[in-house]
Amino acid sequence: MSSPLPPFRPEDFEERCETCHAPPGQLCHAWCDTGYTAADARADAERHDTHRSARPSAP
C-alpha cells in the first residue's frame, strides 16, 4: 500500500513542475502525472466556493 502524498506547501506554487516544467501555478501537461492537475484545480475551486458561501456577507 502506498503512503498518501504530502500536502502542498506554499513554495510548491513558486517552482516549475519537476517532470514537465510547467510554469508555477499552471496546469501540467496532459501526460504529466506529478504536478498540478485539472482535478487539483477543480478541488481548489470547490474549496474556494465553499469558503466563500460559508462566510456571512459584509453589511
PDB file of N, CA and C in Angstrom:
ATOM      1  N   MET A   1       0.849  -1.174   0.000  1.00  0.00           N
ATOM      2  CA  MET A   1       0.000   0.000   0.000  1.00  0.00           C
ATOM      3  C   MET A   1       0.898   1.241   0.000  1.00  0.00           C
ATOM      4  N   SER A   2       0.581   2.197  -0.809  1.00  0.00           N
ATOM      5  CA  SER A   2       1.413   3.398  -0.892  1.00  0.00           C
ATOM      6  C   SER A   2       0.976   4.420   0.151  1.00  0.00           C
ATOM      7  N   SER A   3       1.914   5.228   0.569  1.00  0.00           N
ATOM      8  CA  SER A   3       1.591   6.257   1.555  1.00  0.00           C
ATOM      9  C   SER A   3       0.927   7.440   0.858  1.00  0.00           C
ATOM     10  N   PRO A   4       0.140   8.218   1.589  1.00  0.00           N
ATOM     11  CA  PRO A   4      -0.519   9.375   0.977  1.00  0.00           C
ATOM     12  C   PRO A   4       0.516  10.430   0.589  1.00  0.00           C
ATOM     13  N   LEU A   5       0.158  11.214  -0.415  1.00  0.00           N
ATOM     14  CA  LEU A   5       1.047  12.278  -0.850  1.00  0.00           C
ATOM     15  C   LEU A   5       1.147  13.352   0.226  1.00  0.00           C
ATOM     16  N   PRO A   6       2.289  13.993   0.351  1.00  0.00           N
ATOM     17  CA  PRO A   6       2.403  15.068   1.331  1.00  0.00           C
ATOM     18  C   PRO A   6       1.546  16.262   0.907  1.00  0.00           C
ATOM     19  N   PRO A   7       1.118  17.079   1.852  1.00  0.00           N
ATOM     20  CA  PRO A   7       0.304  18.250   1.479  1.00  0.00           C
ATOM     21  C   PRO A   7       1.129  19.253   0.689  1.00  0.00           C
ATOM     22  N   PHE A   8       0.438  20.076  -0.094  1.00  0.00           N
ATOM     23  CA  PHE A   8       1.130  21.126  -0.835  1.00  0.00           C
ATOM     24  C   PHE A   8       1.691  22.152   0.138  1.00  0.00           C
ATOM     25  N   ARG A   9       2.847  22.684  -0.180  1.00  0.00           N
ATOM     26  CA  ARG A   9       3.458  23.765   0.589  1.00  0.00           C
ATOM     27  C   ARG A   9       3.364  25.028  -0.260  1.00  0.00           C
ATOM     28  N   PRO A  10       3.302  26.209   0.345  1.00  0.00           N
ATOM     29  CA  PRO A  10       3.228  27.443  -0.454  1.00  0.00           C
ATOM     30  C   PRO A  10       4.353  27.554  -1.475  1.00  0.00           C
ATOM     31  N   GLU A  11       5.548  27.109  -1.127  1.00  0.00           N
ATOM     32  CA  GLU A  11       6.668  27.208  -2.062  1.00  0.00           C
ATOM     33  C   GLU A  11       6.518  26.264  -3.260  1.00  0.00           C
ATOM     34  N   ASP A  12       5.620  25.267  -3.166  1.00  0.00           N
ATOM     35  CA  ASP A  12       5.385  24.388  -4.297  1.00  0.00           C
ATOM     36  C   ASP A  12       4.814  25.163  -5.482  1.00  0.00           C
ATOM     37  N   PHE A  13       4.130  26.261  -5.204  1.00  0.00           N
ATOM     38  CA  PHE A  13       3.488  27.026  -6.262  1.00  0.00           C
ATOM     39  C   PHE A  13       4.411  28.090  -6.834  1.00  0.00           C
ATOM     40  N   GLU A  14       5.655  28.112  -6.393  1.00  0.00           N
ATOM     41  CA  GLU A  14       6.627  29.070  -6.900  1.00  0.00           C
ATOM     42  C   GLU A  14       7.693  28.394  -7.754  1.00  0.00           C
ATOM     43  N   GLU A  15       7.549  27.085  -7.974  1.00  0.00           N
ATOM     44  CA  GLU A  15       8.542  26.326  -8.729  1.00  0.00           C
ATOM     45  C   GLU A  15       7.890  25.679  -9.940  1.00  0.00           C
ATOM     46  N   ARG A  16       8.699  25.477 -10.974  1.00  0.00           N
ATOM     47  CA  ARG A  16       8.205  24.739 -12.146  1.00  0.00           C
ATOM     48  C   ARG A  16       7.995  23.277 -11.764  1.00  0.00           C
ATOM     49  N   CYS A  17       7.142  22.603 -12.514  1.00  0.00           N
ATOM     50  CA  CYS A  17       6.947  21.171 -12.302  1.00  0.00           C
ATOM     51  C   CYS A  17       8.254  20.448 -12.589  1.00  0.00           C
ATOM     52  N   GLU A  18       8.608  19.510 -11.736  1.00  0.00           N
ATOM     53  CA  GLU A  18       9.863  18.775 -11.901  1.00  0.00           C
ATOM     54  C   GLU A  18       9.846  17.866 -13.128  1.00  0.00           C
ATOM     55  N   THR A  19       8.669  17.414 -13.545  1.00  0.00           N
ATOM     56  CA  THR A  19       8.581  16.461 -14.648  1.00  0.00           C
ATOM     57  C   THR A  19       8.391  17.135 -15.998  1.00  0.00           C
ATOM     58  N   CYS A  20       7.383  18.005 -16.111  1.00  0.00           N
ATOM     59  CA  CYS A  20       7.074  18.580 -17.427  1.00  0.00           C
ATOM     60  C   CYS A  20       7.486  20.047 -17.550  1.00  0.00           C
ATOM     61  N   HIS A  21       7.986  20.625 -16.468  1.00  0.00           N
ATOM     62  CA  HIS A  21       8.478  22.000 -16.439  1.00  0.00           C
ATOM     63  C   HIS A  21       7.401  23.044 -16.712  1.00  0.00           C
ATOM     64  N   ALA A  22       6.145  22.726 -16.364  1.00  0.00           N
ATOM     65  CA  ALA A  22       5.070  23.708 -16.493  1.00  0.00           C
ATOM     66  C   ALA A  22       5.386  24.885 -15.567  1.00  0.00           C
ATOM     67  N   PRO A  23       5.026  26.106 -15.972  1.00  0.00           N
ATOM     68  CA  PRO A  23       5.305  27.278 -15.138  1.00  0.00           C
ATOM     69  C   PRO A  23       4.603  27.196 -13.785  1.00  0.00           C
ATOM     70  N   PRO A  24       5.101  27.913 -12.783  1.00  0.00           N
ATOM     71  CA  PRO A  24       4.486  27.902 -11.454  1.00  0.00           C
ATOM     72  C   PRO A  24       3.012  28.308 -11.513  1.00  0.00           C
ATOM     73  N   GLY A  25       2.175  27.577 -10.811  1.00  0.00           N
ATOM     74  CA  GLY A  25       0.754  27.890 -10.726  1.00  0.00           C
ATOM     75  C   GLY A  25      -0.062  27.491 -11.936  1.00  0.00           C
ATOM     76  N   GLN A  26       0.569  26.899 -12.946  1.00  0.00           N
ATOM     77  CA  GLN A  26      -0.141  26.494 -14.156  1.00  0.00           C
ATOM     78  C   GLN A  26      -0.403  24.993 -14.126  1.00  0.00           C
ATOM     79  N   LEU A  27      -1.395  24.570 -14.894  1.00  0.00           N
ATOM     80  CA  LEU A  27      -1.656  23.142 -15.018  1.00  0.00           C
ATOM     81  C   LEU A  27      -0.490  22.482 -15.740  1.00  0.00           C
ATOM     82  N   CYS A  28      -0.203  21.261 -15.348  1.00  0.00           N
ATOM     83  CA  CYS A  28       0.848  20.500 -16.017  1.00  0.00           C
ATOM     84  C   CYS A  28       0.337  20.010 -17.363  1.00  0.00           C
ATOM     85  N   HIS A  29       1.256  19.525 -18.178  1.00  0.00           N
ATOM     86  CA  HIS A  29       0.883  18.930 -19.458  1.00  0.00           C
ATOM     87  C   HIS A  29       0.053  17.676 -19.208  1.00  0.00           C
ATOM     88  N   ALA A  30      -0.780  17.314 -20.174  1.00  0.00           N
ATOM     89  CA  ALA A  30      -1.690  16.174 -20.008  1.00  0.00           C
ATOM     90  C   ALA A  30      -0.954  14.883 -19.673  1.00  0.00           C
ATOM     91  N   TRP A  31       0.248  14.706 -20.177  1.00  0.00           N
ATOM     92  CA  TRP A  31       0.983  13.460 -19.943  1.00  0.00           C
ATOM     93  C   TRP A  31       1.679  13.432 -18.588  1.00  0.00           C
ATOM     94  N   CYS A  32       1.713  14.543 -17.884  1.00  0.00           N
ATOM     95  CA  CYS A  32       2.436  14.624 -16.612  1.00  0.00           C
ATOM     96  C   CYS A  32       1.574  14.084 -15.470  1.00  0.00           C
ATOM     97  N   ASP A  33       2.162  13.233 -14.652  1.00  0.00           N
ATOM     98  CA  ASP A  33       1.403  12.663 -13.537  1.00  0.00           C
ATOM     99  C   ASP A  33       1.929  13.107 -12.174  1.00  0.00           C
ATOM    100  N   THR A  34       2.773  14.143 -12.137  1.00  0.00           N
ATOM    101  CA  THR A  34       3.353  14.544 -10.856  1.00  0.00           C
ATOM    102  C   THR A  34       2.960  15.937 -10.400  1.00  0.00           C
ATOM    103  N   GLY A  35       2.408  16.757 -11.263  1.00  0.00           N
ATOM    104  CA  GLY A  35       2.186  18.155 -10.902  1.00  0.00           C
ATOM    105  C   GLY A  35       0.738  18.528 -10.675  1.00  0.00           C
ATOM    106  N   TYR A  36       0.480  19.813 -10.798  1.00  0.00           N
ATOM    107  CA  TYR A  36      -0.841  20.390 -10.584  1.00  0.00           C
ATOM    108  C   TYR A  36      -1.744  19.984 -11.740  1.00  0.00           C
ATOM    109  N   THR A  37      -2.819  19.286 -11.423  1.00  0.00           N
ATOM    110  CA  THR A  37      -3.689  18.734 -12.453  1.00  0.00           C
ATOM    111  C   THR A  37      -5.022  19.473 -12.510  1.00  0.00           C
ATOM    112  N   ALA A  38      -5.808  19.165 -13.506  1.00  0.00           N
ATOM    113  CA  ALA A  38      -7.142  19.747 -13.617  1.00  0.00           C
ATOM    114  C   ALA A  38      -7.984  19.355 -12.403  1.00  0.00           C
ATOM    115  N   ALA A  39      -7.800  18.143 -11.904  1.00  0.00           N
ATOM    116  CA  ALA A  39      -8.540  17.709 -10.715  1.00  0.00           C
ATOM    117  C   ALA A  39      -8.150  18.557  -9.510  1.00  0.00           C
ATOM    118  N   ASP A  40      -6.863  18.902  -9.392  1.00  0.00           N
ATOM    119  CA  ASP A  40      -6.419  19.786  -8.309  1.00  0.00           C
ATOM    120  C   ASP A  40      -7.072  21.155  -8.444  1.00  0.00           C
ATOM    121  N   ALA A  41      -7.101  21.684  -9.652  1.00  0.00           N
ATOM    122  CA  ALA A  41      -7.701  22.995  -9.886  1.00  0.00           C
ATOM    123  C   ALA A  41      -9.182  22.974  -9.549  1.00  0.00           C
ATOM    124  N   ARG A  42      -9.872  21.898  -9.930  1.00  0.00           N
ATOM    125  CA  ARG A  42     -11.299  21.770  -9.640  1.00  0.00           C
ATOM    126  C   ARG A  42     -11.523  21.712  -8.129  1.00  0.00           C
ATOM    127  N   ALA A  43     -10.705  20.936  -7.416  1.00  0.00           N
ATOM    128  CA  ALA A  43     -10.831  20.827  -5.957  1.00  0.00           C
ATOM    129  C   ALA A  43     -10.563  22.182  -5.293  1.00  0.00           C
ATOM    130  N   ASP A  44      -9.559  22.918  -5.786  1.00  0.00           N
ATOM    131  CA  ASP A  44      -9.280  24.254  -5.245  1.00  0.00           C
ATOM    132  C   ASP A  44     -10.468  25.173  -5.450  1.00  0.00           C
ATOM    133  N   ALA A  45     -11.069  25.124  -6.630  1.00  0.00           N
ATOM    134  CA  ALA A  45     -12.230  25.978  -6.928  1.00  0.00           C
ATOM    135  C   ALA A  45     -13.407  25.621  -6.028  1.00  0.00           C
ATOM    136  N   GLU A  46     -13.628  24.328  -5.808  1.00  0.00           N
ATOM    137  CA  GLU A  46     -14.722  23.909  -4.935  1.00  0.00           C
ATOM    138  C   GLU A  46     -14.482  24.363  -3.500  1.00  0.00           C
ATOM    139  N   ARG A  47     -13.232  24.242  -3.017  1.00  0.00           N
ATOM    140  CA  ARG A  47     -12.913  24.710  -1.660  1.00  0.00           C
ATOM    141  C   ARG A  47     -13.131  26.215  -1.551  1.00  0.00           C
ATOM    142  N   HIS A  48     -12.709  26.945  -2.577  1.00  0.00           N
ATOM    143  CA  HIS A  48     -12.864  28.400  -2.576  1.00  0.00           C
ATOM    144  C   HIS A  48     -14.345  28.773  -2.528  1.00  0.00           C
ATOM    145  N   ASP A  49     -15.176  28.097  -3.333  1.00  0.00           N
ATOM    146  CA  ASP A  49     -16.616  28.366  -3.344  1.00  0.00           C
ATOM    147  C   ASP A  49     -17.248  28.027  -2.005  1.00  0.00           C
ATOM    148  N   THR A  50     -16.806  26.925  -1.394  1.00  0.00           N
ATOM    149  CA  THR A  50     -17.348  26.517  -0.099  1.00  0.00           C
ATOM    150  C   THR A  50     -17.019  27.564   0.966  1.00  0.00           C
ATOM    151  N   HIS A  51     -15.774  28.034   0.981  1.00  0.00           N
ATOM    152  CA  HIS A  51     -15.389  29.046   1.964  1.00  0.00           C
ATOM    153  C   HIS A  51     -16.122  30.356   1.728  1.00  0.00           C
ATOM    154  N   ARG A  52     -16.310  30.715   0.467  1.00  0.00           N
ATOM    155  CA  ARG A  52     -16.988  31.978   0.155  1.00  0.00           C
ATOM    156  C   ARG A  52     -18.449  31.900   0.601  1.00  0.00           C
ATOM    157  N   SER A  53     -19.119  30.769   0.369  1.00  0.00           N
ATOM    158  CA  SER A  53     -20.536  30.648   0.739  1.00  0.00           C
ATOM    159  C   SER A  53     -20.695  30.471   2.248  1.00  0.00           C
ATOM    160  N   ALA A  54     -19.665  29.991   2.944  1.00  0.00           N
ATOM    161  CA  ALA A  54     -19.751  29.787   4.394  1.00  0.00           C
ATOM    162  C   ALA A  54     -19.605  31.090   5.158  1.00  0.00           C
ATOM    163  N   ARG A  55     -18.898  32.062   4.567  1.00  0.00           N
ATOM    164  CA  ARG A  55     -18.702  33.346   5.231  1.00  0.00           C
ATOM    165  C   ARG A  55     -19.943  34.216   5.087  1.00  0.00           C
ATOM    166  N   PRO A  56     -20.375  34.865   6.155  1.00  0.00           N
ATOM    167  CA  PRO A  56     -21.508  35.786   6.031  1.00  0.00           C
ATOM    168  C   PRO A  56     -21.107  36.992   5.192  1.00  0.00           C
ATOM    169  N   SER A  57     -22.046  37.497   4.447  1.00  0.00           N
ATOM    170  CA  SER A  57     -21.753  38.666   3.615  1.00  0.00           C
ATOM    171  C   SER A  57     -21.604  39.904   4.477  1.00  0.00           C
ATOM    172  N   ALA A  58     -20.761  40.802   4.007  1.00  0.00           N
ATOM    173  CA  ALA A  58     -20.497  42.033   4.768  1.00  0.00           C
ATOM    174  C   ALA A  58     -21.717  42.947   4.711  1.00  0.00           C
ATOM    175  N   PRO A  59     -22.026  43.636   5.824  1.00  0.00           N
ATOM    176  CA  PRO A  59     -23.191  44.547   5.839  1.00  0.00           C
ATOM    177  C   PRO A  59     -22.958  45.794   5.028  1.00  0.00           C
TER     178      PRO A  59
END
